[in-house]
Amino acid sequence: SRRRQGFAPQLKRNPLGRGDAASDAMTDLTIRIKKKSDGSAILNCERSDGSRTWQRQDGRLGAFFPLHDLTHFAVESVLSCRDGFWGLLAAGWDLDDFGKPWPRGPIPLEALLSEFTVGFFDQERAAGVEWSATDYNTSAATYCAQRGVACERVLTEEELHQIRRRRQELFAQWIALPKGETLELVFACGQAAA
């Protein structure tokens, strides 16, 4: 899975993500992240048809992935990413599809760029700084050039601010959550979350 083997995504060269399962079967996704008393976490995602994918996040993964996944929520809801991580899960991808041997094939470009953006915010948080839109856009252009794809989205200072604000709200909810309790969110595919 992406969490046990690391996340080194392959690229599906479909810049708009159209014709993918994620684009063709858009549904909302209920996301539940349980904070376990031993420091681990459980991510459980339920699609509108009742099907689920889930994963236990032990040890260091239990400390890292809830914040990483909440950052995905902030990025993908603020930027209305249809084919990002949460959109692919809503469309039927399982958590184990995000890693070797890549059973669904390469991920769509939008998911790849979403992962880059989340990584940017993860690095920013680890460094204790807020980088500018110029910093983000320069890094994104380099990332895309290294992969031979067009960098289709340029982020503004306002978009970075909105993502940071939403992420801060989500982090505050997670930090305040007592051990043994579950944080529940609904990802509205293709729309900015309220």
Protein backbone atom coordinates (compact mmCIF):
# COMPACT_ATOMS: atom_id res chain seq x y z
CA SER A 1 0.00 0.00 0.00
CA ARG A 2 1.06 3.61 -0.36
CA ARG A 3 1.49 3.87 3.39
CA ARG A 4 3.66 0.80 3.90
CA GLN A 5 5.82 1.00 0.78
CA GLY A 6 6.02 4.76 0.38
CA PHE A 7 4.23 6.91 -2.14
CA ALA A 8 6.07 7.12 -5.45
CA PRO A 9 3.16 7.56 -7.84
CA GLN A 10 3.21 6.68 -11.48
CA LEU A 11 1.59 9.17 -13.83
CA LYS A 12 -1.43 8.61 -16.00
CA ARG A 13 -1.09 11.11 -18.84
CA ASN A 14 -4.62 12.40 -18.88
CA PRO A 15 -4.33 16.08 -17.94
CA LEU A 16 -8.00 16.71 -17.34
CA GLY A 17 -8.70 13.33 -15.79
CA ARG A 18 -11.68 12.81 -18.06
CA GLY A 19 -12.73 9.30 -18.94
CA ASP A 20 -11.44 7.99 -15.61
CA ALA A 21 -13.55 6.14 -13.10
CA ALA A 22 -13.17 9.11 -10.79
CA SER A 23 -14.70 11.45 -13.35
CA ASP A 24 -17.39 9.07 -14.49
CA ALA A 25 -18.69 7.95 -11.09
CA MET A 26 -18.64 11.03 -8.86
CA THR A 27 -20.16 10.47 -5.45
CA ASP A 28 -19.61 11.89 -2.02
CA LEU A 29 -17.21 10.13 0.29
CA THR A 30 -17.60 9.87 4.06
CA ILE A 31 -14.18 9.89 5.68
CA ARG A 32 -13.71 8.63 9.22
CA ILE A 33 -10.36 8.83 11.00
CA LYS A 34 -10.32 7.13 14.40
CA LYS A 35 -7.73 8.20 16.95
CA LYS A 36 -6.73 5.05 18.81
CA SER A 37 -5.51 5.10 22.42
CA ASP A 38 -2.16 3.51 21.41
CA GLY A 39 -1.30 6.37 19.01
CA SER A 40 -2.38 4.52 15.89
CA ALA A 41 -5.22 5.62 13.67
CA ILE A 42 -7.75 3.95 11.41
CA LEU A 43 -8.82 5.56 8.14
CA ASN A 44 -12.21 4.34 6.94
CA CYS A 45 -13.78 5.70 3.75
CA GLU A 46 -17.38 4.94 2.84
CA ARG A 47 -18.76 5.63 -0.62
CA SER A 48 -22.37 6.61 -1.25
CA ASP A 49 -23.09 3.05 -2.45
CA GLY A 50 -22.05 1.72 0.97
CA SER A 51 -18.76 0.15 -0.17
CA ARG A 52 -15.68 0.91 1.90
CA THR A 53 -11.92 0.94 1.96
CA TRP A 54 -9.96 1.23 5.16
CA GLN A 55 -6.49 1.06 6.60
CA ARG A 56 -4.90 0.90 10.04
CA GLN A 57 -2.04 3.36 10.49
CA ASP A 58 0.36 2.08 13.17
CA GLY A 59 3.38 3.65 14.84
CA ARG A 60 4.85 6.65 13.03
CA LEU A 61 2.23 6.24 10.31
CA GLY A 62 -0.47 6.88 12.93
CA ALA A 63 1.17 10.21 13.75
CA PHE A 64 1.87 11.24 10.14
CA PHE A 65 -1.03 10.10 7.98
CA PRO A 66 -4.03 11.65 9.76
CA LEU A 67 -2.45 15.11 9.27
CA HIS A 68 -1.36 14.24 5.72
CA ASP A 69 -4.86 13.00 4.86
CA LEU A 70 -6.47 16.09 6.42
CA THR A 71 -4.13 18.18 4.29
CA HIS A 72 -5.42 16.26 1.24
CA PHE A 73 -8.94 17.19 2.37
CA ALA A 74 -8.02 20.88 2.64
CA VAL A 75 -6.17 20.98 -0.70
CA GLU A 76 -8.71 18.99 -2.68
CA SER A 77 -11.80 20.69 -1.26
CA VAL A 78 -10.44 24.24 -1.62
CA LEU A 79 -9.17 23.56 -5.17
CA SER A 80 -12.20 21.40 -6.14
CA CYS A 81 -10.05 18.45 -7.23
CA ARG A 82 -12.31 15.85 -8.82
CA ASP A 83 -9.60 13.29 -9.53
CA GLY A 84 -7.43 13.78 -6.46
CA PHE A 85 -6.92 11.23 -3.69
CA TRP A 86 -10.41 11.54 -2.17
CA GLY A 87 -12.14 11.64 -5.57
CA LEU A 88 -10.41 8.44 -6.66
CA LEU A 89 -11.45 6.74 -3.42
CA ALA A 90 -15.03 7.94 -3.94
CA ALA A 91 -14.96 6.48 -7.46
CA GLY A 92 -14.01 3.03 -6.21
CA TRP A 93 -10.23 3.00 -5.77
CA ASP A 94 -9.03 1.19 -2.65
CA LEU A 95 -6.26 2.48 -0.42
CA ASP A 96 -4.03 -0.37 -1.59
CA ASP A 97 -4.41 0.89 -5.19
CA PHE A 98 -2.07 3.79 -4.32
CA GLY A 99 1.19 1.86 -4.39
CA LYS A 100 3.09 -0.96 -5.99
CA PRO A 101 2.06 -2.91 -7.98
CA TRP A 102 -0.38 -0.11 -8.97
CA PRO A 103 -3.34 -2.43 -9.69
CA ARG A 104 -5.37 0.37 -11.32
CA GLY A 105 -2.45 1.63 -13.33
CA PRO A 106 -0.94 5.09 -13.10
CA ILE A 107 -2.83 7.76 -11.23
CA PRO A 108 -4.40 10.71 -13.08
CA LEU A 109 -2.39 13.91 -13.39
CA GLU A 110 -4.72 15.77 -11.02
CA ALA A 111 -4.04 13.19 -8.29
CA LEU A 112 -0.31 13.45 -8.91
CA LEU A 113 -0.44 17.25 -8.62
CA SER A 114 -2.63 16.96 -5.53
CA GLU A 115 -0.02 14.70 -3.92
CA PHE A 116 2.70 17.21 -4.84
CA THR A 117 0.67 20.04 -3.29
CA VAL A 118 0.01 18.10 -0.10
CA GLY A 119 3.73 17.27 0.07
CA PHE A 120 4.50 20.98 -0.31
CA PHE A 121 2.30 21.76 2.71
CA ASP A 122 3.74 18.82 4.69
CA GLN A 123 7.27 20.16 4.07
CA GLU A 124 6.16 23.69 4.92
CA ARG A 125 4.68 22.46 8.21
CA ALA A 126 7.84 20.47 9.04
CA ALA A 127 10.04 23.51 8.31
CA GLY A 128 7.82 25.83 10.38
CA VAL A 129 7.52 28.39 7.58
CA GLU A 130 4.92 29.63 5.12
CA TRP A 131 6.20 29.68 1.59
CA SER A 132 4.85 32.05 -1.05
CA ALA A 133 2.79 31.33 -4.15
CA THR A 134 5.95 32.03 -6.15
CA ASP A 135 7.76 29.33 -4.15
CA TYR A 136 4.90 26.89 -4.74
CA ASN A 137 4.56 27.65 -8.46
CA THR A 138 8.31 27.41 -9.06
CA SER A 139 8.46 24.05 -7.28
CA ALA A 140 5.37 22.79 -9.12
CA ALA A 141 6.81 23.82 -12.50
CA THR A 142 10.06 21.96 -11.73
CA TYR A 143 8.14 18.89 -10.54
CA CYS A 144 6.02 18.82 -13.70
CA ALA A 145 8.98 19.45 -16.02
CA GLN A 146 10.84 16.52 -14.45
CA ARG A 147 7.85 14.34 -15.33
CA GLY A 148 7.35 15.76 -18.81
CA VAL A 149 3.88 17.14 -18.15
CA ALA A 150 2.37 20.60 -18.32
CA CYS A 151 1.85 22.39 -15.02
CA GLU A 152 -1.77 23.31 -15.59
CA ARG A 153 -2.54 25.17 -12.39
CA VAL A 154 -0.87 28.20 -10.88
CA LEU A 155 -1.86 28.88 -7.28
CA THR A 156 -2.42 32.35 -5.88
CA GLU A 157 -1.53 33.67 -2.43
CA GLU A 158 -5.26 33.66 -1.65
CA GLU A 159 -5.63 29.97 -2.56
CA LEU A 160 -2.63 29.09 -0.38
CA HIS A 161 -4.21 31.10 2.45
CA GLN A 162 -7.55 29.30 2.04
CA ILE A 163 -5.83 25.90 2.09
CA ARG A 164 -3.82 26.82 5.19
CA ARG A 165 -6.92 28.13 6.96
CA ARG A 166 -8.95 24.99 6.16
CA ARG A 167 -6.04 22.74 7.15
CA GLN A 168 -5.65 24.61 10.44
CA GLU A 169 -9.35 24.08 11.19
CA LEU A 170 -9.05 20.36 10.43
CA PHE A 171 -5.87 19.98 12.48
CA ALA A 172 -7.56 21.71 15.43
CA GLN A 173 -10.46 19.25 15.22
CA TRP A 174 -8.03 16.30 15.13
CA ILE A 175 -5.91 17.57 18.02
CA ALA A 176 -9.01 18.22 20.16
CA LEU A 177 -10.43 14.76 19.39
CA PRO A 178 -10.19 12.48 22.43
CA LYS A 179 -8.45 9.12 22.01
CA GLY A 180 -10.92 6.45 20.99
CA GLU A 181 -13.10 8.95 19.10
CA THR A 182 -13.58 9.40 15.35
CA LEU A 183 -13.35 12.51 13.20
CA GLU A 184 -15.91 12.34 10.38
CA LEU A 185 -15.83 14.47 7.23
CA VAL A 186 -17.76 14.36 3.97
CA PHE A 187 -15.83 15.05 0.80
CA ALA A 188 -18.19 16.47 -1.82
CA CYS A 189 -16.62 15.39 -5.09
CA GLY A 190 -16.12 18.18 -7.60
CA GLN A 191 -17.21 20.92 -5.22
CA ALA A 192 -15.43 22.98 -2.65
CA ALA A 193 -16.31 21.74 0.81
CA ALA A 194 -17.96 24.14 3.19
